[in-house]
Amino acid sequence: PCTLQEYSDLAEHPQPSDEYRKEVTAGSILY
């Protein structure tokens, strides 16, 4: 799960870098 909203961004999710993972999971209402 990620915080991205735009379809074009979601279509490229996930990406391998640690920086990317931290950016798209900076906050969560799911957990």
Full PDB file with SEQRES, HELIX, SHEET, SSBOND, CRYST1, ORIGX, SCALE, CONECT and MASTER records, all heavy atoms in Angstrom:
SEQRES   1 A   31  PRO CYS THR LEU GLN GLU TYR SER ASP LEU ALA GLU HIS          
SEQRES   2 A   31  PRO GLN PRO SER ASP GLU TYR ARG LYS GLU VAL THR ALA          
SEQRES   3 A   31  GLY SER ILE LEU TYR                                          
HELIX    1 AA1 TYR A    7  ALA A   11  1                                   5    
HELIX    2 AA2 ASP A   18  GLU A   23  1                                   6    
CRYST1    1.000    1.000    1.000  90.00  90.00  90.00 P 1           1          
ORIGX1      1.000000  0.000000  0.000000        0.00000                         
ORIGX2      0.000000  1.000000  0.000000        0.00000                         
ORIGX3      0.000000  0.000000  1.000000        0.00000                         
SCALE1      1.000000  0.000000  0.000000        0.00000                         
SCALE2      0.000000  1.000000  0.000000        0.00000                         
SCALE3      0.000000  0.000000  1.000000        0.00000                         
ATOM      1  N   PRO A   1       0.829  -1.211   0.000  1.00  0.00           N  
ATOM      2  CA  PRO A   1       0.000   0.000   0.000  1.00  0.00           C  
ATOM      3  C   PRO A   1       0.862   1.259   0.000  1.00  0.00           C  
ATOM      4  O   PRO A   1       1.897   1.327   0.671  1.00  0.00           O  
ATOM      5  CB  PRO A   1      -0.805  -0.101   1.305  1.00  0.00           C  
ATOM      6  CG  PRO A   1      -0.729  -1.532   1.703  1.00  0.00           C  
ATOM      7  CD  PRO A   1       0.587  -2.039   1.204  1.00  0.00           C  
ATOM      8  N   CYS A   2       0.409   2.271  -0.746  1.00  0.00           N  
ATOM      9  CA  CYS A   2       1.158   3.519  -0.850  1.00  0.00           C  
ATOM     10  C   CYS A   2       0.196   4.706  -0.783  1.00  0.00           C  
ATOM     11  O   CYS A   2      -1.017   4.548  -0.881  1.00  0.00           O  
ATOM     12  CB  CYS A   2       1.949   3.565  -2.158  1.00  0.00           C  
ATOM     13  SG  CYS A   2       0.905   3.552  -3.635  1.00  0.00           S  
ATOM     14  N   THR A   3       0.756   5.896  -0.655  1.00  0.00           N  
ATOM     15  CA  THR A   3      -0.059   7.108  -0.546  1.00  0.00           C  
ATOM     16  C   THR A   3      -0.277   7.787  -1.888  1.00  0.00           C  
ATOM     17  O   THR A   3      -0.871   8.870  -1.941  1.00  0.00           O  
ATOM     18  CB  THR A   3       0.613   8.105   0.416  1.00  0.00           C  
ATOM     19  OG1 THR A   3       1.930   8.402  -0.072  1.00  0.00           O  
ATOM     20  CG2 THR A   3       0.698   7.533   1.816  1.00  0.00           C  
ATOM     21  N   LEU A   4       0.199   7.211  -2.969  1.00  0.00           N  
ATOM     22  CA  LEU A   4       0.037   7.810  -4.288  1.00  0.00           C  
ATOM     23  C   LEU A   4      -1.448   7.885  -4.664  1.00  0.00           C  
ATOM     24  O   LEU A   4      -2.232   7.020  -4.291  1.00  0.00           O  
ATOM     25  CB  LEU A   4       0.791   6.987  -5.333  1.00  0.00           C  
ATOM     26  CG  LEU A   4       2.306   6.876  -5.143  1.00  0.00           C  
ATOM     27  CD1 LEU A   4       2.885   5.861  -6.116  1.00  0.00           C  
ATOM     28  CD2 LEU A   4       2.960   8.237  -5.313  1.00  0.00           C  
ATOM     29  N   GLN A   5      -1.807   8.915  -5.444  1.00  0.00           N  
ATOM     30  CA  GLN A   5      -3.195   9.098  -5.852  1.00  0.00           C  
ATOM     31  C   GLN A   5      -3.367   9.081  -7.375  1.00  0.00           C  
ATOM     32  O   GLN A   5      -4.370   8.601  -7.882  1.00  0.00           O  
ATOM     33  CB  GLN A   5      -3.738  10.429  -5.297  1.00  0.00           C  
ATOM     34  CG  GLN A   5      -3.836  10.471  -3.783  1.00  0.00           C  
ATOM     35  CD  GLN A   5      -4.835   9.465  -3.241  1.00  0.00           C  
ATOM     36  OE1 GLN A   5      -5.876   9.231  -3.834  1.00  0.00           O  
ATOM     37  NE2 GLN A   5      -4.509   8.857  -2.110  1.00  0.00           N  
ATOM     38  N   GLU A   6      -2.434   9.647  -8.102  1.00  0.00           N  
ATOM     39  CA  GLU A   6      -2.547   9.720  -9.549  1.00  0.00           C  
ATOM     40  C   GLU A   6      -2.373   8.335 -10.179  1.00  0.00           C  
ATOM     41  O   GLU A   6      -1.482   7.567  -9.804  1.00  0.00           O  
ATOM     42  CB  GLU A   6      -1.500  10.678 -10.125  1.00  0.00           C  
ATOM     43  CG  GLU A   6      -1.696  12.130  -9.710  1.00  0.00           C  
ATOM     44  CD  GLU A   6      -2.989  12.708 -10.243  1.00  0.00           C  
ATOM     45  OE1 GLU A   6      -3.423  12.288 -11.343  1.00  0.00           O  
ATOM     46  OE2 GLU A   6      -3.586  13.556  -9.556  1.00  0.00           O  
ATOM     47  N   TYR A   7      -3.215   8.045 -11.167  1.00  0.00           N  
ATOM     48  CA  TYR A   7      -3.179   6.734 -11.805  1.00  0.00           C  
ATOM     49  C   TYR A   7      -1.816   6.462 -12.452  1.00  0.00           C  
ATOM     50  O   TYR A   7      -1.282   5.352 -12.359  1.00  0.00           O  
ATOM     51  CB  TYR A   7      -4.287   6.636 -12.855  1.00  0.00           C  
ATOM     52  CG  TYR A   7      -4.368   5.276 -13.510  1.00  0.00           C  
ATOM     53  CD1 TYR A   7      -5.108   4.250 -12.936  1.00  0.00           C  
ATOM     54  CD2 TYR A   7      -3.681   5.023 -14.700  1.00  0.00           C  
ATOM     55  CE1 TYR A   7      -5.160   3.002 -13.535  1.00  0.00           C  
ATOM     56  CE2 TYR A   7      -3.734   3.772 -15.299  1.00  0.00           C  
ATOM     57  CZ  TYR A   7      -4.477   2.764 -14.716  1.00  0.00           C  
ATOM     58  OH  TYR A   7      -4.525   1.528 -15.306  1.00  0.00           O  
ATOM     59  N   SER A   8      -1.258   7.481 -13.090  1.00  0.00           N  
ATOM     60  CA  SER A   8       0.038   7.291 -13.756  1.00  0.00           C  
ATOM     61  C   SER A   8       1.127   6.936 -12.756  1.00  0.00           C  
ATOM     62  O   SER A   8       2.033   6.133 -13.061  1.00  0.00           O  
ATOM     63  CB  SER A   8       0.423   8.553 -14.526  1.00  0.00           C  
ATOM     64  OG  SER A   8       0.458   9.679 -13.656  1.00  0.00           O  
ATOM     65  N   ASP A   9       1.067   7.510 -11.561  1.00  0.00           N  
ATOM     66  CA  ASP A   9       2.046   7.172 -10.515  1.00  0.00           C  
ATOM     67  C   ASP A   9       1.811   5.758  -9.991  1.00  0.00           C  
ATOM     68  O   ASP A   9       2.766   4.997  -9.768  1.00  0.00           O  
ATOM     69  CB  ASP A   9       1.961   8.175  -9.369  1.00  0.00           C  
ATOM     70  CG  ASP A   9       2.368   9.580  -9.779  1.00  0.00           C  
ATOM     71  OD1 ASP A   9       3.187   9.700 -10.710  1.00  0.00           O  
ATOM     72  OD2 ASP A   9       1.862  10.552  -9.191  1.00  0.00           O  
ATOM     73  N   LEU A  10       0.548   5.425  -9.781  1.00  0.00           N  
ATOM     74  CA  LEU A  10       0.227   4.084  -9.283  1.00  0.00           C  
ATOM     75  C   LEU A  10       0.643   3.011 -10.284  1.00  0.00           C  
ATOM     76  O   LEU A  10       1.047   1.905  -9.902  1.00  0.00           O  
ATOM     77  CB  LEU A  10      -1.268   3.988  -8.995  1.00  0.00           C  
ATOM     78  CG  LEU A  10      -1.775   4.751  -7.766  1.00  0.00           C  
ATOM     79  CD1 LEU A  10      -3.295   4.853  -7.781  1.00  0.00           C  
ATOM     80  CD2 LEU A  10      -1.306   4.066  -6.480  1.00  0.00           C  
ATOM     81  N   ALA A  11       0.550   3.332 -11.580  1.00  0.00           N  
ATOM     82  CA  ALA A  11       0.904   2.361 -12.614  1.00  0.00           C  
ATOM     83  C   ALA A  11       2.389   2.000 -12.571  1.00  0.00           C  
ATOM     84  O   ALA A  11       2.782   0.915 -13.021  1.00  0.00           O  
ATOM     85  CB  ALA A  11       0.535   2.905 -13.991  1.00  0.00           C  
ATOM     86  N   GLU A  12       3.226   2.887 -12.030  1.00  0.00           N  
ATOM     87  CA  GLU A  12       4.666   2.646 -11.952  1.00  0.00           C  
ATOM     88  C   GLU A  12       5.095   2.143 -10.578  1.00  0.00           C  
ATOM     89  O   GLU A  12       6.285   1.982 -10.311  1.00  0.00           O  
ATOM     90  CB  GLU A  12       5.423   3.934 -12.292  1.00  0.00           C  
ATOM     91  CG  GLU A  12       5.175   4.405 -13.721  1.00  0.00           C  
ATOM     92  CD  GLU A  12       5.901   5.713 -14.020  1.00  0.00           C  
ATOM     93  OE1 GLU A  12       6.503   6.281 -13.080  1.00  0.00           O  
ATOM     94  OE2 GLU A  12       5.863   6.154 -15.177  1.00  0.00           O  
ATOM     95  N   HIS A  13       4.122   1.920  -9.702  1.00  0.00           N  
ATOM     96  CA  HIS A  13       4.400   1.436  -8.348  1.00  0.00           C  
ATOM     97  C   HIS A  13       4.453  -0.099  -8.355  1.00  0.00           C  
ATOM     98  O   HIS A  13       3.659  -0.732  -9.049  1.00  0.00           O  
ATOM     99  CB  HIS A  13       3.299   1.933  -7.411  1.00  0.00           C  
ATOM    100  CG  HIS A  13       3.408   1.412  -6.012  1.00  0.00           C  
ATOM    101  ND1 HIS A  13       4.318   1.898  -5.119  1.00  0.00           N  
ATOM    102  CD2 HIS A  13       2.721   0.432  -5.370  1.00  0.00           C  
ATOM    103  CE1 HIS A  13       4.168   1.260  -3.963  1.00  0.00           C  
ATOM    104  NE2 HIS A  13       3.211   0.361  -4.095  1.00  0.00           N  
ATOM    105  N   PRO A  14       5.401  -0.726  -7.613  1.00  0.00           N  
ATOM    106  CA  PRO A  14       6.429  -0.121  -6.770  1.00  0.00           C  
ATOM    107  C   PRO A  14       7.737   0.068  -7.540  1.00  0.00           C  
ATOM    108  O   PRO A  14       7.927  -0.506  -8.608  1.00  0.00           O  
ATOM    109  CB  PRO A  14       6.607  -1.167  -5.676  1.00  0.00           C  
ATOM    110  CG  PRO A  14       6.334  -2.470  -6.371  1.00  0.00           C  
ATOM    111  CD  PRO A  14       5.282  -2.179  -7.405  1.00  0.00           C  
ATOM    112  N   GLN A  15       8.624   0.862  -6.953  1.00  0.00           N  
ATOM    113  CA  GLN A  15       9.969   1.047  -7.489  1.00  0.00           C  
ATOM    114  C   GLN A  15      10.987   0.592  -6.436  1.00  0.00           C  
ATOM    115  O   GLN A  15      10.696   0.629  -5.234  1.00  0.00           O  
ATOM    116  CB  GLN A  15      10.190   2.499  -7.884  1.00  0.00           C  
ATOM    117  CG  GLN A  15       9.262   2.954  -9.017  1.00  0.00           C  
ATOM    118  CD  GLN A  15       9.499   4.379  -9.432  1.00  0.00           C  
ATOM    119  OE1 GLN A  15      10.572   4.939  -9.205  1.00  0.00           O  
ATOM    120  NE2 GLN A  15       8.482   4.979 -10.056  1.00  0.00           N  
ATOM    121  N   PRO A  16      12.177   0.199  -6.841  1.00  0.00           N  
ATOM    122  CA  PRO A  16      13.073  -0.526  -5.931  1.00  0.00           C  
ATOM    123  C   PRO A  16      13.812   0.302  -4.885  1.00  0.00           C  
ATOM    124  O   PRO A  16      14.253  -0.242  -3.881  1.00  0.00           O  
ATOM    125  CB  PRO A  16      14.079  -1.187  -6.891  1.00  0.00           C  
ATOM    126  CG  PRO A  16      14.068  -0.307  -8.106  1.00  0.00           C  
ATOM    127  CD  PRO A  16      12.670   0.208  -8.233  1.00  0.00           C  
ATOM    128  N   SER A  17      13.979   1.607  -5.082  1.00  0.00           N  
ATOM    129  CA  SER A  17      14.858   2.358  -4.177  1.00  0.00           C  
ATOM    130  C   SER A  17      14.234   2.541  -2.795  1.00  0.00           C  
ATOM    131  O   SER A  17      13.013   2.659  -2.651  1.00  0.00           O  
ATOM    132  CB  SER A  17      15.182   3.723  -4.778  1.00  0.00           C  
ATOM    133  OG  SER A  17      14.063   4.585  -4.703  1.00  0.00           O  
ATOM    134  N   ASP A  18      15.099   2.594  -1.785  1.00  0.00           N  
ATOM    135  CA  ASP A  18      14.644   2.813  -0.406  1.00  0.00           C  
ATOM    136  C   ASP A  18      14.036   4.205  -0.240  1.00  0.00           C  
ATOM    137  O   ASP A  18      13.077   4.382   0.514  1.00  0.00           O  
ATOM    138  CB  ASP A  18      15.811   2.638   0.566  1.00  0.00           C  
ATOM    139  CG  ASP A  18      16.219   1.183   0.720  1.00  0.00           C  
ATOM    140  OD1 ASP A  18      15.373   0.302   0.399  1.00  0.00           O  
ATOM    141  OD2 ASP A  18      17.363   0.929   1.137  1.00  0.00           O  
ATOM    142  N   GLU A  19      14.606   5.179  -0.933  1.00  0.00           N  
ATOM    143  CA  GLU A  19      14.069   6.539  -0.842  1.00  0.00           C  
ATOM    144  C   GLU A  19      12.628   6.590  -1.357  1.00  0.00           C  
ATOM    145  O   GLU A  19      11.773   7.259  -0.780  1.00  0.00           O  
ATOM    146  CB  GLU A  19      14.960   7.507  -1.634  1.00  0.00           C  
ATOM    147  CG  GLU A  19      16.323   7.753  -1.006  1.00  0.00           C  
ATOM    148  CD  GLU A  19      17.120   8.792  -1.789  1.00  0.00           C  
ATOM    149  OE1 GLU A  19      16.561   9.351  -2.767  1.00  0.00           O  
ATOM    150  OE2 GLU A  19      18.271   9.034  -1.418  1.00  0.00           O  
ATOM    151  N   TYR A  20      12.384   5.888  -2.455  1.00  0.00           N  
ATOM    152  CA  TYR A  20      11.029   5.842  -3.012  1.00  0.00           C  
ATOM    153  C   TYR A  20      10.074   5.190  -2.008  1.00  0.00           C  
ATOM    154  O   TYR A  20       8.968   5.693  -1.757  1.00  0.00           O  
ATOM    155  CB  TYR A  20      11.027   5.052  -4.317  1.00  0.00           C  
ATOM    156  CG  TYR A  20       9.636   4.760  -4.849  1.00  0.00           C  
ATOM    157  CD1 TYR A  20       8.955   5.683  -5.628  1.00  0.00           C  
ATOM    158  CD2 TYR A  20       9.008   3.545  -4.550  1.00  0.00           C  
ATOM    159  CE1 TYR A  20       7.680   5.412  -6.106  1.00  0.00           C  
ATOM    160  CE2 TYR A  20       7.736   3.265  -5.020  1.00  0.00           C  
ATOM    161  CZ  TYR A  20       7.072   4.210  -5.800  1.00  0.00           C  
ATOM    162  OH  TYR A  20       5.804   3.942  -6.255  1.00  0.00           O  
ATOM    163  N   ARG A  21      10.477   4.083  -1.416  1.00  0.00           N  
ATOM    164  CA  ARG A  21       9.603   3.380  -0.472  1.00  0.00           C  
ATOM    165  C   ARG A  21       9.252   4.268   0.714  1.00  0.00           C  
ATOM    166  O   ARG A  21       8.106   4.293   1.166  1.00  0.00           O  
ATOM    167  CB  ARG A  21      10.277   2.103   0.033  1.00  0.00           C  
ATOM    168  CG  ARG A  21      10.369   1.031  -1.036  1.00  0.00           C  
ATOM    169  CD  ARG A  21      10.302  -0.357  -0.442  1.00  0.00           C  
ATOM    170  NE  ARG A  21      11.362  -0.630   0.523  1.00  0.00           N  
ATOM    171  CZ  ARG A  21      11.402  -1.713   1.280  1.00  0.00           C  
ATOM    172  NH1 ARG A  21      10.433  -2.610   1.191  1.00  0.00           N  
ATOM    173  NH2 ARG A  21      12.404  -1.929   2.112  1.00  0.00           N  
ATOM    174  N   LYS A  22      10.229   5.022   1.205  1.00  0.00           N  
ATOM    175  CA  LYS A  22       9.950   5.911   2.337  1.00  0.00           C  
ATOM    176  C   LYS A  22       9.032   7.058   1.930  1.00  0.00           C  
ATOM    177  O   LYS A  22       8.175   7.493   2.702  1.00  0.00           O  
ATOM    178  CB  LYS A  22      11.268   6.454   2.900  1.00  0.00           C  
ATOM    179  CG  LYS A  22      12.114   5.399   3.600  1.00  0.00           C  
ATOM    180  CD  LYS A  22      13.406   5.991   4.140  1.00  0.00           C  
ATOM    181  CE  LYS A  22      14.235   4.934   4.849  1.00  0.00           C  
ATOM    182  NZ  LYS A  22      15.515   5.485   5.379  1.00  0.00           N  
ATOM    183  N   GLU A  23       9.213   7.543   0.704  1.00  0.00           N  
ATOM    184  CA  GLU A  23       8.406   8.672   0.236  1.00  0.00           C  
ATOM    185  C   GLU A  23       6.935   8.297   0.103  1.00  0.00           C  
ATOM    186  O   GLU A  23       6.044   9.065   0.471  1.00  0.00           O  
ATOM    187  CB  GLU A  23       8.945   9.167  -1.107  1.00  0.00           C  
ATOM    188  CG  GLU A  23       8.178  10.358  -1.671  1.00  0.00           C  
ATOM    189  CD  GLU A  23       8.711  10.797  -3.016  1.00  0.00           C  
ATOM    190  OE1 GLU A  23       9.787  10.302  -3.424  1.00  0.00           O  
ATOM    191  OE2 GLU A  23       8.046  11.620  -3.676  1.00  0.00           O  
ATOM    192  N   VAL A  24       6.664   7.102  -0.444  1.00  0.00           N  
ATOM    193  CA  VAL A  24       5.265   6.732  -0.711  1.00  0.00           C  
ATOM    194  C   VAL A  24       4.608   6.034   0.485  1.00  0.00           C  
ATOM    195  O   VAL A  24       3.444   5.625   0.402  1.00  0.00           O  
ATOM    196  CB  VAL A  24       5.163   5.824  -1.953  1.00  0.00           C  
ATOM    197  CG1 VAL A  24       5.700   6.544  -3.175  1.00  0.00           C  
ATOM    198  CG2 VAL A  24       5.859   4.482  -1.740  1.00  0.00           C  
ATOM    199  N   THR A  25       5.343   5.907   1.587  1.00  0.00           N  
ATOM    200  CA  THR A  25       4.761   5.370   2.825  1.00  0.00           C  
ATOM    201  C   THR A  25       5.064   6.279   4.002  1.00  0.00           C  
ATOM    202  O   THR A  25       5.211   5.822   5.128  1.00  0.00           O  
ATOM    203  CB  THR A  25       5.292   3.945   3.110  1.00  0.00           C  
ATOM    204  OG1 THR A  25       6.731   3.991   3.213  1.00  0.00           O  
ATOM    205  CG2 THR A  25       4.889   2.976   2.021  1.00  0.00           C  
ATOM    206  N   ALA A  26       5.160   7.578   3.728  1.00  0.00           N  
ATOM    207  CA  ALA A  26       5.501   8.525   4.795  1.00  0.00           C  
ATOM    208  C   ALA A  26       4.418   8.610   5.859  1.00  0.00           C  
ATOM    209  O   ALA A  26       4.686   8.953   7.021  1.00  0.00           O  
ATOM    210  CB  ALA A  26       5.754   9.908   4.193  1.00  0.00           C  
ATOM    211  N   GLY A  27       3.187   8.343   5.485  1.00  0.00           N  
ATOM    212  CA  GLY A  27       2.077   8.351   6.429  1.00  0.00           C  
ATOM    213  C   GLY A  27       1.125   7.217   6.098  1.00  0.00           C  
ATOM    214  O   GLY A  27       1.097   6.710   4.980  1.00  0.00           O  
ATOM    215  N   SER A  28       0.325   6.792   7.078  1.00  0.00           N  
ATOM    216  CA  SER A  28      -0.606   5.700   6.839  1.00  0.00           C  
ATOM    217  C   SER A  28      -1.849   5.839   7.696  1.00  0.00           C  
ATOM    218  O   SER A  28      -1.763   6.104   8.902  1.00  0.00           O  
ATOM    219  CB  SER A  28       0.052   4.341   7.130  1.00  0.00           C  
ATOM    220  OG  SER A  28      -0.888   3.293   6.989  1.00  0.00           O  
ATOM    221  N   ILE A  29      -3.011   5.683   7.060  1.00  0.00           N  
ATOM    222  CA  ILE A  29      -4.253   5.518   7.820  1.00  0.00           C  
ATOM    223  C   ILE A  29      -4.678   4.050   7.814  1.00  0.00           C  
ATOM    224  O   ILE A  29      -5.541   3.642   8.588  1.00  0.00           O  
ATOM    225  CB  ILE A  29      -5.389   6.394   7.253  1.00  0.00           C  
ATOM    226  CG1 ILE A  29      -5.721   5.988   5.805  1.00  0.00           C  
ATOM    227  CG2 ILE A  29      -5.045   7.863   7.358  1.00  0.00           C  
ATOM    228  CD1 ILE A  29      -6.952   6.656   5.243  1.00  0.00           C  
ATOM    229  N   LEU A  30      -4.063   3.254   6.925  1.00  0.00           N  
ATOM    230  CA  LEU A  30      -4.441   1.848   6.820  1.00  0.00           C  
ATOM    231  C   LEU A  30      -4.033   1.059   8.055  1.00  0.00           C  
ATOM    232  O   LEU A  30      -4.868   0.369   8.666  1.00  0.00           O  
ATOM    233  CB  LEU A  30      -3.803   1.227   5.572  1.00  0.00           C  
ATOM    234  CG  LEU A  30      -4.003  -0.285   5.405  1.00  0.00           C  
ATOM    235  CD1 LEU A  30      -5.475  -0.612   5.210  1.00  0.00           C  
ATOM    236  CD2 LEU A  30      -3.168  -0.821   4.244  1.00  0.00           C  
ATOM    237  N   TYR A  31      -2.766   1.165   8.451  1.00  0.00           N  
ATOM    238  CA  TYR A  31      -2.291   0.336   9.558  1.00  0.00           C  
ATOM    239  C   TYR A  31      -2.934   0.701  10.898  1.00  0.00           C  
ATOM    240  O   TYR A  31      -3.285  -0.202  11.668  1.00  0.00           O  
ATOM    241  CB  TYR A  31      -0.764   0.369   9.626  1.00  0.00           C  
ATOM    242  CG  TYR A  31      -0.135  -0.399   8.492  1.00  0.00           C  
ATOM    243  CD1 TYR A  31       0.551   0.248   7.470  1.00  0.00           C  
ATOM    244  CD2 TYR A  31      -0.274  -1.781   8.413  1.00  0.00           C  
ATOM    245  CE1 TYR A  31       1.103  -0.464   6.407  1.00  0.00           C  
ATOM    246  CE2 TYR A  31       0.276  -2.497   7.354  1.00  0.00           C  
ATOM    247  CZ  TYR A  31       0.952  -1.835   6.360  1.00  0.00           C  
ATOM    248  OH  TYR A  31       1.477  -2.545   5.303  1.00  0.00           O  
TER     249      TYR A  31                                                      
MASTER        0    0    0    2    0    0    0    6  248    1    0    3          
END                                                                             
